[in-house]
Amino acid sequence: MARSVDEIINDKKVFYCVECGKCVAVCPMAEVYQEFAYELSPRGINKRALLGFDVLDILKDKKIWFCLGCTACTEICPAGVKYAEFIESLRLLAIKEGNTDYCVKCKRCGDYYIPTPILDNMRGALEKMKVDSQFLNLCPECRRRNFAGMLGTVYGNMVSYDGKPVIGDSKEDDNIGRVS
């Protein structure tokens, strides 16, 4: 893991940005977030980091938590800037330094796994579709394990990878998948 923002900037080739704007053009954040602005875009975050504006505060800024991690910007960049990895590295460094206001812990394993702007957007979309969003409280690995435990109860054989209880809607569900 990188030890500083400068190390991340160098490692992810952020200096190579030629400001062509292709990363902003393909970024799906404009479609996902109503409050999307240049400051949230790949180019906006890169420019802010490179020019040294609030370099120390960039790890505390909510703007680094909006990226969806789709890598479209990285794939289209003619200069080879690894933008998605840049953002992910900034997030990991922010967590390491205790800046966790904009990320969520898995309710099962306790690991940080999703930025709050993404989670809030997903919950809103699921509510509009009238779909239960209980599994959004779990990281992808725990979600798989939880689902496997639920399937085990349906088919009569207890399935659990780690012995932790399955997260569900009722108190009875709290023990589903637990290995005795």
C-alpha atoms as a PDB file:
ATOM      1  CA  MET A   1       0.000   0.000   0.000  1.00  0.00           C
ATOM      2  CA  ALA A   2       1.176   3.486  -0.832  1.00  0.00           C
ATOM      3  CA  ARG A   3       2.436   5.617   2.030  1.00  0.00           C
ATOM      4  CA  SER A   4       1.538   9.037   0.621  1.00  0.00           C
ATOM      5  CA  VAL A   5      -0.599  10.845  -1.927  1.00  0.00           C
ATOM      6  CA  ASP A   6       2.550  11.754  -3.886  1.00  0.00           C
ATOM      7  CA  GLU A   7       3.546   8.096  -4.105  1.00  0.00           C
ATOM      8  CA  ILE A   8       0.068   7.220  -5.410  1.00  0.00           C
ATOM      9  CA  ILE A   9       0.236  10.031  -7.992  1.00  0.00           C
ATOM     10  CA  ASN A  10       3.550   8.697  -9.309  1.00  0.00           C
ATOM     11  CA  ASP A  11       2.557   5.028  -9.214  1.00  0.00           C
ATOM     12  CA  LYS A  12      -0.724   5.556 -11.092  1.00  0.00           C
ATOM     13  CA  LYS A  13       0.831   7.829 -13.752  1.00  0.00           C
ATOM     14  CA  VAL A  14      -1.403  10.781 -12.886  1.00  0.00           C
ATOM     15  CA  PHE A  15       1.297  13.156 -14.211  1.00  0.00           C
ATOM     16  CA  TYR A  16       0.759  11.712 -17.697  1.00  0.00           C
ATOM     17  CA  CYS A  17      -2.720  13.268 -18.000  1.00  0.00           C
ATOM     18  CA  VAL A  18      -2.949  15.358 -21.187  1.00  0.00           C
ATOM     19  CA  GLU A  19      -6.339  16.855 -20.232  1.00  0.00           C
ATOM     20  CA  CYS A  20      -8.070  15.508 -23.335  1.00  0.00           C
ATOM     21  CA  GLY A  21     -11.343  15.021 -21.443  1.00  0.00           C
ATOM     22  CA  LYS A  22     -12.017  11.498 -22.707  1.00  0.00           C
ATOM     23  CA  CYS A  23     -12.207  10.200 -19.131  1.00  0.00           C
ATOM     24  CA  VAL A  24     -14.966  12.692 -18.304  1.00  0.00           C
ATOM     25  CA  ALA A  25     -16.853  11.824 -21.499  1.00  0.00           C
ATOM     26  CA  VAL A  26     -17.052   8.100 -20.679  1.00  0.00           C
ATOM     27  CA  CYS A  27     -17.552   8.460 -16.922  1.00  0.00           C
ATOM     28  CA  PRO A  28     -20.956   7.028 -15.908  1.00  0.00           C
ATOM     29  CA  MET A  29     -21.081   9.187 -12.770  1.00  0.00           C
ATOM     30  CA  ALA A  30     -22.829  11.916 -14.788  1.00  0.00           C
ATOM     31  CA  GLU A  31     -25.705   9.491 -15.352  1.00  0.00           C
ATOM     32  CA  VAL A  32     -25.740   8.138 -11.795  1.00  0.00           C
ATOM     33  CA  TYR A  33     -25.415  11.275  -9.673  1.00  0.00           C
ATOM     34  CA  GLN A  34     -27.616  14.337 -10.061  1.00  0.00           C
ATOM     35  CA  GLU A  35     -24.941  16.414  -8.311  1.00  0.00           C
ATOM     36  CA  PHE A  36     -22.202  15.364 -10.750  1.00  0.00           C
ATOM     37  CA  ALA A  37     -19.767  18.167 -11.497  1.00  0.00           C
ATOM     38  CA  TYR A  38     -16.280  18.574 -12.930  1.00  0.00           C
ATOM     39  CA  GLU A  39     -14.820  18.349  -9.397  1.00  0.00           C
ATOM     40  CA  LEU A  40     -16.085  14.742  -9.110  1.00  0.00           C
ATOM     41  CA  SER A  41     -14.808  13.691 -12.537  1.00  0.00           C
ATOM     42  CA  PRO A  42     -11.594  11.753 -13.144  1.00  0.00           C
ATOM     43  CA  ARG A  43     -10.007  14.833 -14.667  1.00  0.00           C
ATOM     44  CA  GLY A  44     -11.164  17.061 -11.820  1.00  0.00           C
ATOM     45  CA  ILE A  45      -9.701  14.827  -9.104  1.00  0.00           C
ATOM     46  CA  ASN A  46      -6.464  14.391 -11.094  1.00  0.00           C
ATOM     47  CA  LYS A  47      -6.071  18.118 -11.598  1.00  0.00           C
ATOM     48  CA  ARG A  48      -6.739  18.846  -7.944  1.00  0.00           C
ATOM     49  CA  ALA A  49      -4.141  16.316  -6.837  1.00  0.00           C
ATOM     50  CA  LEU A  50      -1.542  17.479  -9.362  1.00  0.00           C
ATOM     51  CA  LEU A  51      -1.887  21.165  -8.619  1.00  0.00           C
ATOM     52  CA  GLY A  52      -1.518  20.508  -4.918  1.00  0.00           C
ATOM     53  CA  PHE A  53      -4.858  21.974  -3.871  1.00  0.00           C
ATOM     54  CA  ASP A  54      -5.655  20.530  -0.480  1.00  0.00           C
ATOM     55  CA  VAL A  55      -3.322  17.587  -1.066  1.00  0.00           C
ATOM     56  CA  LEU A  56      -3.465  16.806   2.637  1.00  0.00           C
ATOM     57  CA  ASP A  57      -7.238  17.228   2.664  1.00  0.00           C
ATOM     58  CA  ILE A  58      -7.906  15.131  -0.447  1.00  0.00           C
ATOM     59  CA  LEU A  59      -8.036  12.047   1.785  1.00  0.00           C
ATOM     60  CA  LYS A  60     -10.790  13.682   3.859  1.00  0.00           C
ATOM     61  CA  ASP A  61     -12.783  14.883   0.857  1.00  0.00           C
ATOM     62  CA  LYS A  62     -16.070  13.221  -0.063  1.00  0.00           C
ATOM     63  CA  LYS A  63     -15.268  13.647  -3.774  1.00  0.00           C
ATOM     64  CA  ILE A  64     -12.919  10.631  -3.847  1.00  0.00           C
ATOM     65  CA  TRP A  65     -15.803   8.386  -2.765  1.00  0.00           C
ATOM     66  CA  PHE A  66     -18.134   8.936  -5.761  1.00  0.00           C
ATOM     67  CA  CYS A  67     -16.138   6.954  -8.342  1.00  0.00           C
ATOM     68  CA  LEU A  68     -17.957   3.771  -9.348  1.00  0.00           C
ATOM     69  CA  GLY A  69     -14.740   1.874 -10.106  1.00  0.00           C
ATOM     70  CA  CYS A  70     -15.872   0.856 -13.589  1.00  0.00           C
ATOM     71  CA  THR A  71     -12.423   1.588 -15.122  1.00  0.00           C
ATOM     72  CA  ALA A  72     -13.910   3.173 -18.282  1.00  0.00           C
ATOM     73  CA  CYS A  73     -11.655   6.210 -17.751  1.00  0.00           C
ATOM     74  CA  THR A  74      -8.556   4.054 -17.407  1.00  0.00           C
ATOM     75  CA  GLU A  75      -9.398   2.053 -20.521  1.00  0.00           C
ATOM     76  CA  ILE A  76      -9.934   5.116 -22.724  1.00  0.00           C
ATOM     77  CA  CYS A  77      -7.036   7.228 -21.449  1.00  0.00           C
ATOM     78  CA  PRO A  78      -4.534   7.783 -24.290  1.00  0.00           C
ATOM     79  CA  ALA A  79      -1.810   8.667 -21.775  1.00  0.00           C
ATOM     80  CA  GLY A  80      -2.175   5.535 -19.656  1.00  0.00           C
ATOM     81  CA  VAL A  81      -3.332   7.210 -16.436  1.00  0.00           C
ATOM     82  CA  LYS A  82      -4.613   4.531 -14.064  1.00  0.00           C
ATOM     83  CA  TYR A  83      -7.414   6.668 -12.726  1.00  0.00           C
ATOM     84  CA  ALA A  84      -9.572   3.928 -11.159  1.00  0.00           C
ATOM     85  CA  GLU A  85      -6.529   2.535  -9.328  1.00  0.00           C
ATOM     86  CA  PHE A  86      -5.602   6.097  -8.302  1.00  0.00           C
ATOM     87  CA  ILE A  87      -8.977   6.623  -6.643  1.00  0.00           C
ATOM     88  CA  GLU A  88      -8.962   3.188  -5.010  1.00  0.00           C
ATOM     89  CA  SER A  89      -5.471   3.827  -3.621  1.00  0.00           C
ATOM     90  CA  LEU A  90      -6.551   7.217  -2.265  1.00  0.00           C
ATOM     91  CA  ARG A  91      -9.517   5.539  -0.570  1.00  0.00           C
ATOM     92  CA  LEU A  92      -7.350   2.834   0.990  1.00  0.00           C
ATOM     93  CA  LEU A  93      -4.907   5.451   2.261  1.00  0.00           C
ATOM     94  CA  ALA A  94      -7.810   7.510   3.627  1.00  0.00           C
ATOM     95  CA  ILE A  95      -9.128   4.461   5.510  1.00  0.00           C
ATOM     96  CA  LYS A  96      -5.637   3.678   6.792  1.00  0.00           C
ATOM     97  CA  GLU A  97      -5.397   7.227   8.135  1.00  0.00           C
ATOM     98  CA  GLY A  98      -8.791   6.936   9.839  1.00  0.00           C
ATOM     99  CA  ASN A  99     -10.853   8.932   7.329  1.00  0.00           C
ATOM    100  CA  THR A 100     -13.864   6.640   7.176  1.00  0.00           C
ATOM    101  CA  ASP A 101     -16.768   9.106   7.125  1.00  0.00           C
ATOM    102  CA  TYR A 102     -17.673   8.234   3.543  1.00  0.00           C
ATOM    103  CA  CYS A 103     -17.358   4.459   3.497  1.00  0.00           C
ATOM    104  CA  VAL A 104     -19.413   1.676   5.049  1.00  0.00           C
ATOM    105  CA  LYS A 105     -18.377  -1.361   7.071  1.00  0.00           C
ATOM    106  CA  CYS A 106     -19.849  -4.769   6.319  1.00  0.00           C
ATOM    107  CA  LYS A 107     -22.299  -5.685   9.075  1.00  0.00           C
ATOM    108  CA  ARG A 108     -20.989  -9.249   9.032  1.00  0.00           C
ATOM    109  CA  CYS A 109     -17.176  -9.153   8.806  1.00  0.00           C
ATOM    110  CA  GLY A 110     -16.496  -5.515   9.716  1.00  0.00           C
ATOM    111  CA  ASP A 111     -14.391  -4.687   6.634  1.00  0.00           C
ATOM    112  CA  TYR A 112     -14.900  -1.413   4.792  1.00  0.00           C
ATOM    113  CA  TYR A 113     -16.371  -2.227   1.416  1.00  0.00           C
ATOM    114  CA  ILE A 114     -18.447   0.502  -0.219  1.00  0.00           C
ATOM    115  CA  PRO A 115     -18.461   4.299  -0.402  1.00  0.00           C
ATOM    116  CA  THR A 116     -21.555   5.948   1.079  1.00  0.00           C
ATOM    117  CA  PRO A 117     -22.408   7.939  -2.092  1.00  0.00           C
ATOM    118  CA  ILE A 118     -22.588   4.684  -4.078  1.00  0.00           C
ATOM    119  CA  LEU A 119     -24.541   2.872  -1.357  1.00  0.00           C
ATOM    120  CA  ASP A 120     -27.034   5.723  -0.994  1.00  0.00           C
ATOM    121  CA  ASN A 121     -27.561   5.783  -4.748  1.00  0.00           C
ATOM    122  CA  MET A 122     -28.063   2.010  -4.905  1.00  0.00           C
ATOM    123  CA  ARG A 123     -30.552   2.064  -2.024  1.00  0.00           C
ATOM    124  CA  GLY A 124     -32.522   4.843  -3.715  1.00  0.00           C
ATOM    125  CA  ALA A 125     -32.652   2.927  -6.991  1.00  0.00           C
ATOM    126  CA  LEU A 126     -33.749  -0.298  -5.256  1.00  0.00           C
ATOM    127  CA  GLU A 127     -36.442   1.532  -3.290  1.00  0.00           C
ATOM    128  CA  LYS A 128     -37.861   2.969  -6.530  1.00  0.00           C
ATOM    129  CA  MET A 129     -38.024  -0.577  -7.914  1.00  0.00           C
ATOM    130  CA  LYS A 130     -39.505  -1.837  -4.617  1.00  0.00           C
ATOM    131  CA  VAL A 131     -36.634  -4.304  -4.169  1.00  0.00           C
ATOM    132  CA  ASP A 132     -35.333  -5.290  -0.729  1.00  0.00           C
ATOM    133  CA  SER A 133     -31.893  -3.819  -0.130  1.00  0.00           C
ATOM    134  CA  GLN A 134     -30.888  -5.816   2.979  1.00  0.00           C
ATOM    135  CA  PHE A 135     -27.902  -7.392   1.235  1.00  0.00           C
ATOM    136  CA  LEU A 136     -26.372  -3.967   0.597  1.00  0.00           C
ATOM    137  CA  ASN A 137     -25.309  -4.081   4.257  1.00  0.00           C
ATOM    138  CA  LEU A 138     -22.852  -6.860   3.415  1.00  0.00           C
ATOM    139  CA  CYS A 139     -19.620  -6.887   1.422  1.00  0.00           C
ATOM    140  CA  PRO A 140     -19.708  -9.064  -1.723  1.00  0.00           C
ATOM    141  CA  GLU A 141     -17.930 -11.989  -0.021  1.00  0.00           C
ATOM    142  CA  CYS A 142     -20.279 -11.996   2.966  1.00  0.00           C
ATOM    143  CA  ARG A 143     -23.225 -11.578   0.594  1.00  0.00           C
ATOM    144  CA  ARG A 144     -22.210 -14.814  -1.180  1.00  0.00           C
ATOM    145  CA  ARG A 145     -21.726 -16.631   2.113  1.00  0.00           C
ATOM    146  CA  ASN A 146     -25.023 -15.340   3.461  1.00  0.00           C
ATOM    147  CA  PHE A 147     -26.897 -16.406   0.331  1.00  0.00           C
ATOM    148  CA  ALA A 148     -25.268 -19.852   0.429  1.00  0.00           C
ATOM    149  CA  GLY A 149     -26.431 -20.231   4.039  1.00  0.00           C
ATOM    150  CA  MET A 150     -29.965 -19.300   3.049  1.00  0.00           C
ATOM    151  CA  LEU A 151     -29.903 -21.825   0.191  1.00  0.00           C
ATOM    152  CA  GLY A 152     -28.719 -24.472   2.619  1.00  0.00           C
ATOM    153  CA  THR A 153     -31.830 -24.016   4.739  1.00  0.00           C
ATOM    154  CA  VAL A 154     -34.072 -24.195   1.673  1.00  0.00           C
ATOM    155  CA  TYR A 155     -32.536 -27.494   0.574  1.00  0.00           C
ATOM    156  CA  GLY A 156     -32.189 -28.909   4.081  1.00  0.00           C
ATOM    157  CA  ASN A 157     -28.405 -28.951   4.414  1.00  0.00           C
ATOM    158  CA  MET A 158     -26.677 -26.282   6.447  1.00  0.00           C
ATOM    159  CA  VAL A 159     -24.186 -24.428   4.274  1.00  0.00           C
ATOM    160  CA  SER A 160     -21.680 -22.101   5.834  1.00  0.00           C
ATOM    161  CA  TYR A 161     -18.163 -21.180   4.838  1.00  0.00           C
ATOM    162  CA  ASP A 162     -17.101 -19.520   8.035  1.00  0.00           C
ATOM    163  CA  GLY A 163     -19.641 -20.330  10.739  1.00  0.00           C
ATOM    164  CA  LYS A 164     -20.990 -16.780  10.945  1.00  0.00           C
ATOM    165  CA  PRO A 165     -24.755 -16.316  11.065  1.00  0.00           C
ATOM    166  CA  VAL A 166     -26.723 -15.392   7.995  1.00  0.00           C
ATOM    167  CA  ILE A 167     -28.103 -11.849   8.071  1.00  0.00           C
ATOM    168  CA  GLY A 168     -31.854 -11.782   7.458  1.00  0.00           C
ATOM    169  CA  ASP A 169     -35.100 -10.004   8.193  1.00  0.00           C
ATOM    170  CA  SER A 170     -36.097 -11.889  11.360  1.00  0.00           C
ATOM    171  CA  LYS A 171     -34.485 -13.163  14.540  1.00  0.00           C
ATOM    172  CA  GLU A 172     -34.909 -16.711  13.226  1.00  0.00           C
ATOM    173  CA  ASP A 173     -32.774 -15.781  10.223  1.00  0.00           C
ATOM    174  CA  ASP A 174     -29.897 -14.767  12.525  1.00  0.00           C
ATOM    175  CA  ASN A 175     -29.039 -18.436  13.064  1.00  0.00           C
ATOM    176  CA  ILE A 176     -29.450 -19.647   9.491  1.00  0.00           C
ATOM    177  CA  GLY A 177     -26.221 -21.068   8.156  1.00  0.00           C
ATOM    178  CA  ARG A 178     -24.501 -21.275  11.568  1.00  0.00           C
ATOM    179  CA  VAL A 179     -22.374 -24.381  11.958  1.00  0.00           C
ATOM    180  CA  SER A 180     -23.115 -26.184  15.222  1.00  0.00           C
END
